[in-house]
Amino acid sequence: MENKLKSWFLTTLVAYSVVVTLIGVYVIAAQLGERSIWLAVTVAAAQVAIYFARLYLVQVPRTSPGLAGFSMGIFAATMYSVYMSYQMQVASAAPLLAFIALCGWLAYVSWYSDLGDRSKDKIKLGKKLPDIPLEDYDGNPLNSADWKGQKRLVIFYRGNWCPICTAQVKELEKFEKQFNELDVRITLISPQPHEKSRRFAKRNGMDYDFLVDVNNQAAKQLGILHENGVPKGFEVLGYDTDVPKPTTFVVDEKGKVVFADLTTNYRLRTKPQDIIASLRG
C-alpha cells in the first residue's frame, strides 16, 4: 500500500508544483493579487519543479541526502509568503499553496526517497552471488553462472525513465579506463523492455553488457524488488510498475561478492571512485 501511495505521490507533487508555478506567474502578470505574496509562492513551487526538471536536463548521478539548498530555499519562500500575508493583513490562499508545496517537498526528501531496510537482501559481502536468470537485449537467455572466471561490476538500475539511473550509467564512461585496468566488466541490469535497453546502449555507444531482468525474476530472487517503484504515468511508455532497488556490487572470478552498496535512499548512488578504491585496496 505504501509503495502504491508513493507512485501516486511523486506524479502528484511534480504536477502540483508546475500548476502552482503557472498560477503564480499568471496572477503576478495580471496583477490579480498582492505581488510580494504571490512572488514568494511562485518561487517556492518553482524550486520544486526546477529540481525535477534539472534531473532530466543535467546529468545528476546522485544528490546530497537532505538536498539542503532546495530545502532552505523552499522553506524561506514559504515563510516569506506567510509573513507578508500577515504584515499586509491580506486573507489569501497563496501561503497555503506554498505550505503544501513545502510539505510535499519534505515528504519527498525524507519519506519518498527512503527504500527501507535492506538487511534481508541476498547480496552479502564475502558470499557467493546466487545464480540469477537474465537475458541480453536481443532476448538470448543467460545466467550469472556464465560470469565464472570474470570480475563483474553489476548495477541494477530502474530504467531509462529514471534520470538518476541514466546519469549513474553515463558517469561510468569517465572511469572506464580504470575498470579496464582492473579487468572488471561493467554489467547493467534493468527490467525494462529489451528494445529500450538496446536503444540506450546504442545511443550512448557504450561497450557494456546491458541485460534484461525479465519479469524482475533476478530482483525477486535477490530480495531487491521494489514493488510499484515506477511513478504513476510511466506505464503508458511501456515500463512495468515494479523495479529493482538501486543496487551496485562487484563479483570476483569465483562469483563472490567483493564490493556491495545497497543504498537505502534512491538518490544516493555509488561513486565509481569508491568502487575502484575498494577493489584496489
Protein backbone atom coordinates (compact mmCIF):
# COMPACT_ATOMS: atom_id res chain seq x y z
CA MET A 1 0.00 0.00 0.00
CA GLU A 2 2.80 2.43 0.91
CA ASN A 3 4.57 1.87 -2.42
CA LYS A 4 1.36 2.49 -4.35
CA LEU A 5 0.92 5.72 -2.43
CA LYS A 6 4.48 6.70 -3.30
CA SER A 7 3.91 6.03 -7.01
CA TRP A 8 0.99 8.46 -7.00
CA PHE A 9 2.77 10.90 -4.68
CA LEU A 10 5.67 11.78 -6.98
CA THR A 11 3.48 12.36 -10.02
CA THR A 12 1.13 14.49 -7.95
CA LEU A 13 3.94 16.54 -6.42
CA VAL A 14 5.50 17.35 -9.79
CA ALA A 15 2.14 18.24 -11.32
CA TYR A 16 1.19 20.37 -8.32
CA SER A 17 4.45 22.34 -8.35
CA VAL A 18 4.13 23.08 -12.06
CA VAL A 19 0.48 24.14 -11.79
CA VAL A 20 1.09 26.43 -8.78
CA THR A 21 4.08 27.98 -10.53
CA LEU A 22 1.99 28.75 -13.61
CA ILE A 23 -0.85 30.14 -11.47
CA GLY A 24 1.60 32.35 -9.61
CA VAL A 25 3.11 33.70 -12.83
CA TYR A 26 -0.37 34.44 -14.20
CA VAL A 27 -1.55 36.18 -11.02
CA ILE A 28 1.58 38.34 -10.91
CA ALA A 29 1.44 39.20 -14.62
CA ALA A 30 -2.28 40.02 -14.49
CA GLN A 31 -1.92 41.87 -11.17
CA LEU A 32 -4.72 39.85 -9.60
CA GLY A 33 -3.18 39.64 -6.13
CA GLU A 34 -0.55 41.04 -3.82
CA ARG A 35 2.64 40.76 -5.84
CA SER A 36 5.06 40.12 -2.96
CA ILE A 37 2.93 37.29 -1.56
CA TRP A 38 2.40 35.56 -4.89
CA LEU A 39 6.00 36.04 -5.88
CA ALA A 40 7.10 34.11 -2.80
CA VAL A 41 4.56 31.36 -3.51
CA THR A 42 5.74 31.10 -7.12
CA VAL A 43 9.37 30.87 -6.04
CA ALA A 44 8.55 28.10 -3.54
CA ALA A 45 6.64 25.99 -6.07
CA ALA A 46 9.06 26.74 -8.91
CA GLN A 47 12.01 25.41 -6.93
CA VAL A 48 10.28 22.03 -6.61
CA ALA A 49 9.58 21.99 -10.36
CA ILE A 50 13.12 23.14 -11.19
CA TYR A 51 14.65 20.34 -9.09
CA PHE A 52 12.85 17.63 -11.07
CA ALA A 53 13.45 19.37 -14.39
CA ARG A 54 17.14 19.58 -13.50
CA LEU A 55 17.33 15.82 -13.04
CA TYR A 56 16.31 15.36 -16.68
CA LEU A 57 18.19 18.30 -18.18
CA VAL A 58 21.51 17.86 -16.34
CA GLN A 59 23.26 14.59 -15.53
CA VAL A 60 22.79 14.14 -11.78
CA PRO A 61 24.06 10.68 -10.73
CA ARG A 62 23.44 11.42 -7.04
CA THR A 63 22.24 14.18 -4.74
CA SER A 64 23.03 15.27 -1.19
CA PRO A 65 20.98 13.39 1.44
CA GLY A 66 18.85 16.33 2.56
CA LEU A 67 19.00 18.50 -0.58
CA ALA A 68 19.77 21.39 1.77
CA GLY A 69 19.92 24.14 -0.85
CA PHE A 70 16.49 23.43 -2.29
CA SER A 71 15.03 22.68 1.14
CA MET A 72 16.16 26.00 2.62
CA GLY A 73 15.05 27.93 -0.45
CA ILE A 74 11.54 26.42 -0.47
CA PHE A 75 11.21 26.90 3.30
CA ALA A 76 12.37 30.54 3.12
CA ALA A 77 9.98 31.40 0.27
CA THR A 78 7.07 29.75 2.07
CA MET A 79 7.76 31.57 5.34
CA TYR A 80 8.11 34.86 3.48
CA SER A 81 4.67 34.41 1.87
CA VAL A 82 3.17 33.77 5.33
CA TYR A 83 4.99 36.78 6.80
CA MET A 84 3.91 39.15 4.02
CA SER A 85 0.32 37.95 4.24
CA TYR A 86 0.36 38.69 7.97
CA GLN A 87 2.04 42.07 7.54
CA MET A 88 -0.41 43.21 4.89
CA GLN A 89 -3.39 41.72 6.72
CA VAL A 90 -4.41 40.05 3.48
CA ALA A 91 -6.66 37.00 3.51
CA SER A 92 -5.15 34.87 0.76
CA ALA A 93 -4.89 31.20 -0.13
CA ALA A 94 -1.43 31.84 -1.54
CA PRO A 95 0.57 30.98 1.61
CA LEU A 96 -1.40 27.74 1.92
CA LEU A 97 -0.37 26.77 -1.62
CA ALA A 98 3.26 27.41 -0.72
CA PHE A 99 2.92 25.46 2.52
CA ILE A 100 1.53 22.44 0.65
CA ALA A 101 4.50 22.60 -1.74
CA LEU A 102 6.86 22.72 1.25
CA CYS A 103 5.19 19.73 2.92
CA GLY A 104 5.30 17.80 -0.34
CA TRP A 105 8.98 18.58 -0.75
CA LEU A 106 9.84 17.48 2.79
CA ALA A 107 7.89 14.27 2.24
CA TYR A 108 9.88 13.65 -0.95
CA VAL A 109 13.21 14.16 0.80
CA SER A 110 12.50 12.14 3.93
CA TRP A 111 9.77 9.63 3.02
CA TYR A 112 9.61 9.04 -0.72
CA SER A 113 13.37 8.70 -1.15
CA ASP A 114 13.67 6.08 1.58
CA LEU A 115 13.91 2.49 0.34
CA GLY A 116 13.54 0.94 3.78
CA ASP A 117 15.52 -1.79 5.49
CA ARG A 118 17.75 -3.80 3.15
CA SER A 119 19.27 -6.21 5.63
CA LYS A 120 17.32 -9.09 4.08
CA ASP A 121 18.80 -8.56 0.62
CA LYS A 122 20.62 -11.70 -0.52
CA ILE A 123 23.65 -9.81 -1.79
CA LYS A 124 26.16 -10.25 1.01
CA LEU A 125 29.76 -9.11 1.06
CA GLY A 126 32.07 -12.12 1.01
CA LYS A 127 29.28 -14.51 -0.01
CA LYS A 128 28.73 -16.15 -3.38
CA LEU A 129 26.12 -14.49 -5.57
CA PRO A 130 23.10 -16.74 -6.14
CA ASP A 131 22.63 -17.83 -9.76
CA ILE A 132 20.16 -15.47 -11.40
CA PRO A 133 18.41 -15.79 -14.80
CA LEU A 134 18.84 -12.90 -17.25
CA GLU A 135 18.64 -12.09 -20.95
CA ASP A 136 20.68 -9.86 -23.21
CA TYR A 137 18.84 -7.11 -25.06
CA ASP A 138 18.44 -9.41 -28.07
CA GLY A 139 16.43 -11.84 -25.93
CA ASN A 140 19.11 -14.51 -25.59
CA PRO A 141 18.93 -16.25 -22.18
CA LEU A 142 21.94 -16.36 -19.89
CA ASN A 143 22.76 -16.89 -16.24
CA SER A 144 25.07 -15.20 -13.79
CA ALA A 145 26.89 -18.54 -13.55
CA ASP A 146 28.19 -17.73 -17.05
CA TRP A 147 30.33 -14.99 -15.45
CA LYS A 148 32.65 -17.56 -13.88
CA GLY A 149 36.25 -16.52 -14.43
CA GLN A 150 35.31 -12.84 -14.85
CA LYS A 151 35.18 -9.90 -12.49
CA ARG A 152 31.93 -8.01 -12.90
CA LEU A 153 30.66 -4.63 -11.74
CA VAL A 154 26.91 -5.22 -11.60
CA ILE A 155 24.41 -2.38 -11.37
CA PHE A 156 20.67 -2.96 -11.09
CA TYR A 157 19.03 0.21 -12.36
CA ARG A 158 15.37 1.09 -12.71
CA GLY A 159 15.19 2.01 -16.39
CA ASN A 160 15.62 4.76 -18.98
CA TRP A 161 12.77 6.73 -17.40
CA CYS A 162 14.85 7.33 -14.25
CA PRO A 163 17.18 10.34 -14.77
CA ILE A 164 19.41 9.50 -11.80
CA CYS A 165 19.82 5.95 -13.14
CA THR A 166 20.82 7.09 -16.62
CA ALA A 167 23.20 9.68 -15.16
CA GLN A 168 24.77 6.99 -12.96
CA VAL A 169 25.32 4.78 -16.00
CA LYS A 170 26.76 7.59 -18.15
CA GLU A 171 29.12 8.60 -15.33
CA LEU A 172 30.87 5.23 -15.67
CA GLU A 173 32.35 6.34 -19.00
CA LYS A 174 34.74 8.67 -17.16
CA PHE A 175 36.16 5.70 -15.25
CA GLU A 176 36.11 3.09 -18.00
CA LYS A 177 39.91 3.04 -18.26
CA GLN A 178 40.32 2.31 -14.54
CA PHE A 179 37.79 -0.53 -14.64
CA ASN A 180 39.55 -1.99 -17.70
CA GLU A 181 42.87 -1.85 -15.84
CA LEU A 182 41.25 -3.83 -13.02
CA ASP A 183 39.84 -6.27 -15.59
CA VAL A 184 36.28 -5.54 -14.46
CA ARG A 185 33.42 -5.96 -16.93
CA ILE A 186 30.55 -3.48 -16.44
CA THR A 187 27.14 -5.15 -16.38
CA LEU A 188 23.91 -3.15 -16.25
CA ILE A 189 20.61 -4.85 -15.45
CA SER A 190 17.09 -3.44 -15.77
CA PRO A 191 13.60 -4.95 -16.09
CA GLN A 192 12.67 -2.54 -18.89
CA PRO A 193 11.77 -3.95 -22.34
CA HIS A 194 14.68 -5.28 -24.40
CA GLU A 195 14.34 -2.59 -27.06
CA LYS A 196 14.70 0.21 -24.51
CA SER A 197 17.95 -1.29 -23.20
CA ARG A 198 19.23 -1.73 -26.74
CA ARG A 199 18.34 1.85 -27.62
CA PHE A 200 20.06 3.22 -24.53
CA ALA A 201 23.24 1.24 -25.23
CA LYS A 202 23.39 2.15 -28.93
CA ARG A 203 22.52 5.82 -28.40
CA ASN A 204 25.37 6.30 -25.96
CA GLY A 205 27.83 3.98 -27.69
CA MET A 206 28.61 2.06 -24.51
CA ASP A 207 30.55 -1.20 -24.65
CA TYR A 208 28.91 -2.64 -21.54
CA ASP A 209 26.65 -5.63 -21.03
CA PHE A 210 23.09 -4.30 -20.95
CA LEU A 211 20.97 -7.15 -19.62
CA VAL A 212 17.25 -7.55 -19.05
CA ASP A 213 15.71 -8.96 -15.89
CA VAL A 214 12.52 -10.35 -17.40
CA ASN A 215 9.58 -10.00 -15.00
CA ASN A 216 12.05 -8.98 -12.29
CA GLN A 217 12.96 -12.63 -11.71
CA ALA A 218 16.50 -11.81 -10.60
CA ALA A 219 15.38 -8.91 -8.40
CA LYS A 220 12.88 -11.16 -6.67
CA GLN A 221 15.46 -13.87 -6.17
CA LEU A 222 17.96 -11.40 -4.68
CA GLY A 223 15.35 -9.72 -2.50
CA ILE A 224 15.83 -6.29 -4.10
CA LEU A 225 12.43 -5.90 -5.76
CA HIS A 226 10.73 -2.54 -5.28
CA GLU A 227 7.04 -3.11 -5.97
CA ASN A 228 5.21 -0.14 -7.55
CA GLY A 229 8.51 1.72 -7.73
CA VAL A 230 7.67 3.45 -11.01
CA PRO A 231 5.86 6.81 -10.69
CA LYS A 232 2.30 6.68 -11.91
CA GLY A 233 2.02 7.51 -15.59
CA PHE A 234 5.19 5.87 -16.91
CA GLU A 235 3.27 2.67 -17.63
CA VAL A 236 1.95 4.29 -20.82
CA LEU A 237 5.57 4.45 -22.05
CA GLY A 238 5.94 0.69 -21.76
CA TYR A 239 7.53 0.37 -18.31
CA ASP A 240 6.41 -2.16 -15.72
CA THR A 241 5.25 -0.87 -12.34
CA ASP A 242 7.85 -2.92 -10.41
CA VAL A 243 11.58 -2.19 -10.49
CA PRO A 244 14.71 -3.25 -8.59
CA LYS A 245 16.01 -1.12 -5.77
CA PRO A 246 19.16 0.66 -7.00
CA THR A 247 21.91 -1.84 -6.24
CA THR A 248 25.64 -1.92 -7.01
CA PHE A 249 28.05 -4.76 -6.35
CA VAL A 250 31.18 -6.45 -7.71
CA VAL A 251 31.71 -10.20 -8.02
CA ASP A 252 35.12 -11.76 -8.49
CA GLU A 253 36.13 -14.61 -10.80
CA LYS A 254 34.55 -17.16 -8.45
CA GLY A 255 31.25 -15.31 -8.17
CA LYS A 256 31.95 -14.00 -4.67
CA VAL A 257 30.70 -10.52 -3.80
CA VAL A 258 33.78 -8.37 -3.08
CA PHE A 259 32.04 -4.99 -3.03
CA ALA A 260 28.43 -4.09 -2.31
CA ASP A 261 26.47 -0.87 -1.89
CA LEU A 262 22.81 -1.43 -1.06
CA THR A 263 21.64 2.14 -0.72
CA THR A 264 18.57 2.90 1.39
CA ASN A 265 17.98 6.20 -0.45
CA TYR A 266 17.29 6.04 -4.18
CA ARG A 267 19.06 9.39 -4.70
CA LEU A 268 22.35 8.28 -3.15
CA ARG A 269 24.13 6.25 -5.81
CA THR A 270 27.55 4.64 -5.55
CA LYS A 271 30.53 6.73 -6.62
CA PRO A 272 32.74 4.91 -9.17
CA GLN A 273 35.78 6.26 -7.29
CA ASP A 274 34.68 4.34 -4.19
CA ILE A 275 34.32 1.10 -6.15
CA ILE A 276 37.75 1.49 -7.73
CA ALA A 277 39.38 2.41 -4.41
CA SER A 278 37.80 -0.62 -2.74
CA LEU A 279 38.98 -3.01 -5.47
CA ARG A 280 42.50 -1.59 -5.44
CA GLY A 281 42.60 -1.69 -1.68
